[in-house]
Amino acid sequence: MNIKPLFDKIVIEAVEPEVKTAGGIILTANAQEKPQMATVLAVGPGGVIDGKEITMQVKVGDKILYSKYAGSEFKLDGKTVTILRQSDVLAIIE
């Protein structure tokens, strides 16, 4: 399935969190924190939003850090993706 976000939205896929601590303890799914690192799968065109010109700073393939409870999760082709606003992105990892 091909997805094209609108305006300042981006589609991301979370990077799986570590299942083992530095000390070697294996964490259950309940003990793991929600991931905050993701790969960008699709980017909207930007444009004028709420009277402000928005230029997209992220591009497809970027690794990003985003706010913990940002966006909405969806299932697409068996994968869980999140759609969020560019303003919820905290940093691009280079």
C-alpha atoms as a PDB file:
ATOM      1  CA  MET A   1       0.000   0.000   0.000  1.00  0.00           C
ATOM      2  CA  ASN A   2       1.261   3.473  -0.857  1.00  0.00           C
ATOM      3  CA  ILE A   3       0.538   6.233   1.667  1.00  0.00           C
ATOM      4  CA  LYS A   4       0.848   9.963   0.996  1.00  0.00           C
ATOM      5  CA  PRO A   5       0.508  12.204   4.078  1.00  0.00           C
ATOM      6  CA  LEU A   6      -1.083  15.624   3.769  1.00  0.00           C
ATOM      7  CA  PHE A   7       0.238  19.059   4.779  1.00  0.00           C
ATOM      8  CA  ASP A   8       2.888  18.862   7.551  1.00  0.00           C
ATOM      9  CA  LYS A   9       2.281  15.203   8.433  1.00  0.00           C
ATOM     10  CA  ILE A  10       4.894  12.458   8.276  1.00  0.00           C
ATOM     11  CA  VAL A  11       4.578   8.669   8.415  1.00  0.00           C
ATOM     12  CA  ILE A  12       7.123   6.857  10.575  1.00  0.00           C
ATOM     13  CA  GLU A  13       7.929   3.307  11.606  1.00  0.00           C
ATOM     14  CA  ALA A  14       9.331   2.919  15.107  1.00  0.00           C
ATOM     15  CA  VAL A  15      12.737   1.315  15.561  1.00  0.00           C
ATOM     16  CA  GLU A  16      12.367  -1.722  17.809  1.00  0.00           C
ATOM     17  CA  PRO A  17      13.548  -1.045  21.380  1.00  0.00           C
ATOM     18  CA  GLU A  18      16.281  -3.039  23.068  1.00  0.00           C
ATOM     19  CA  VAL A  19      14.953  -6.186  24.727  1.00  0.00           C
ATOM     20  CA  LYS A  20      18.026  -6.605  26.909  1.00  0.00           C
ATOM     21  CA  THR A  21      19.503  -4.181  29.440  1.00  0.00           C
ATOM     22  CA  ALA A  22      23.206  -3.319  29.618  1.00  0.00           C
ATOM     23  CA  GLY A  23      23.468  -5.824  32.490  1.00  0.00           C
ATOM     24  CA  GLY A  24      21.985  -8.617  30.360  1.00  0.00           C
ATOM     25  CA  ILE A  25      18.465  -8.702  31.826  1.00  0.00           C
ATOM     26  CA  ILE A  26      15.809  -9.517  29.217  1.00  0.00           C
ATOM     27  CA  LEU A  27      12.815  -7.147  29.355  1.00  0.00           C
ATOM     28  CA  THR A  28       9.249  -8.316  28.755  1.00  0.00           C
ATOM     29  CA  ALA A  29       7.010  -6.347  26.387  1.00  0.00           C
ATOM     30  CA  ASN A  30       5.246  -4.730  29.369  1.00  0.00           C
ATOM     31  CA  ALA A  31       8.533  -3.501  30.862  1.00  0.00           C
ATOM     32  CA  GLN A  32       9.764  -1.893  27.648  1.00  0.00           C
ATOM     33  CA  GLU A  33       9.249   1.805  27.060  1.00  0.00           C
ATOM     34  CA  LYS A  34       7.460   3.062  23.981  1.00  0.00           C
ATOM     35  CA  PRO A  35      10.123   3.685  21.314  1.00  0.00           C
ATOM     36  CA  GLN A  36      10.988   7.288  20.519  1.00  0.00           C
ATOM     37  CA  MET A  37      13.278   6.596  17.559  1.00  0.00           C
ATOM     38  CA  ALA A  38      11.860   5.959  14.105  1.00  0.00           C
ATOM     39  CA  THR A  39      12.509   5.864  10.386  1.00  0.00           C
ATOM     40  CA  VAL A  40      10.563   8.265   8.150  1.00  0.00           C
ATOM     41  CA  LEU A  41       8.541   6.377   5.509  1.00  0.00           C
ATOM     42  CA  ALA A  42       6.625   9.266   3.868  1.00  0.00           C
ATOM     43  CA  VAL A  43       6.533  13.065   4.109  1.00  0.00           C
ATOM     44  CA  GLY A  44       3.757  15.522   3.297  1.00  0.00           C
ATOM     45  CA  PRO A  45       4.359  18.553   1.061  1.00  0.00           C
ATOM     46  CA  GLY A  46       4.194  21.206   3.800  1.00  0.00           C
ATOM     47  CA  GLY A  47       2.532  24.468   2.754  1.00  0.00           C
ATOM     48  CA  VAL A  48       0.526  27.141   4.549  1.00  0.00           C
ATOM     49  CA  ILE A  49      -0.882  25.763   7.800  1.00  0.00           C
ATOM     50  CA  ASP A  50      -2.740  28.012  10.261  1.00  0.00           C
ATOM     51  CA  GLY A  51      -1.466  31.044   8.345  1.00  0.00           C
ATOM     52  CA  LYS A  52       2.214  30.018   8.562  1.00  0.00           C
ATOM     53  CA  GLU A  53       4.400  28.718   5.750  1.00  0.00           C
ATOM     54  CA  ILE A  54       5.702  25.268   6.758  1.00  0.00           C
ATOM     55  CA  THR A  55       8.819  23.925   5.022  1.00  0.00           C
ATOM     56  CA  MET A  56       9.435  20.234   5.582  1.00  0.00           C
ATOM     57  CA  GLN A  57      12.777  19.592   7.311  1.00  0.00           C
ATOM     58  CA  VAL A  58      12.617  15.787   7.304  1.00  0.00           C
ATOM     59  CA  LYS A  59      12.819  13.483   4.299  1.00  0.00           C
ATOM     60  CA  VAL A  60      12.101   9.828   3.592  1.00  0.00           C
ATOM     61  CA  GLY A  61      14.763   7.589   5.134  1.00  0.00           C
ATOM     62  CA  ASP A  62      15.726   9.976   7.969  1.00  0.00           C
ATOM     63  CA  LYS A  63      16.124   8.521  11.467  1.00  0.00           C
ATOM     64  CA  ILE A  64      14.354  10.777  13.968  1.00  0.00           C
ATOM     65  CA  LEU A  65      13.592  11.203  17.652  1.00  0.00           C
ATOM     66  CA  TYR A  66      10.000  12.189  18.400  1.00  0.00           C
ATOM     67  CA  SER A  67       7.791  13.065  21.370  1.00  0.00           C
ATOM     68  CA  LYS A  68       6.782   9.997  23.398  1.00  0.00           C
ATOM     69  CA  TYR A  69       3.000  10.265  23.010  1.00  0.00           C
ATOM     70  CA  ALA A  70       2.856  12.027  19.628  1.00  0.00           C
ATOM     71  CA  GLY A  71       0.811  10.949  16.631  1.00  0.00           C
ATOM     72  CA  SER A  72      -1.679   8.210  15.871  1.00  0.00           C
ATOM     73  CA  GLU A  73      -0.811   4.563  15.241  1.00  0.00           C
ATOM     74  CA  PHE A  74      -2.218   2.564  12.318  1.00  0.00           C
ATOM     75  CA  LYS A  75      -1.742  -0.924  10.865  1.00  0.00           C
ATOM     76  CA  LEU A  76      -0.734  -0.897   7.176  1.00  0.00           C
ATOM     77  CA  ASP A  77       0.262  -4.050   5.328  1.00  0.00           C
ATOM     78  CA  GLY A  78       0.941  -5.831   8.630  1.00  0.00           C
ATOM     79  CA  LYS A  79       3.244  -3.061   9.937  1.00  0.00           C
ATOM     80  CA  THR A  80       2.436  -0.562  12.662  1.00  0.00           C
ATOM     81  CA  VAL A  81       3.111   2.986  11.511  1.00  0.00           C
ATOM     82  CA  THR A  82       2.582   6.327  13.212  1.00  0.00           C
ATOM     83  CA  ILE A  83       1.373   9.517  11.544  1.00  0.00           C
ATOM     84  CA  LEU A  84       2.432  12.719  13.282  1.00  0.00           C
ATOM     85  CA  ARG A  85       3.100  16.392  12.629  1.00  0.00           C
ATOM     86  CA  GLN A  86       6.588  17.549  11.766  1.00  0.00           C
ATOM     87  CA  SER A  87       6.476  19.739  14.906  1.00  0.00           C
ATOM     88  CA  ASP A  88       6.439  16.544  17.031  1.00  0.00           C
ATOM     89  CA  VAL A  89       9.896  15.620  15.696  1.00  0.00           C
ATOM     90  CA  LEU A  90      12.554  16.544  18.235  1.00  0.00           C
ATOM     91  CA  ALA A  91      15.710  15.781  16.222  1.00  0.00           C
ATOM     92  CA  ILE A  92      17.106  14.138  13.108  1.00  0.00           C
ATOM     93  CA  ILE A  93      19.827  11.556  13.838  1.00  0.00           C
ATOM     94  CA  GLU A  94      22.780  11.766  11.462  1.00  0.00           C
END
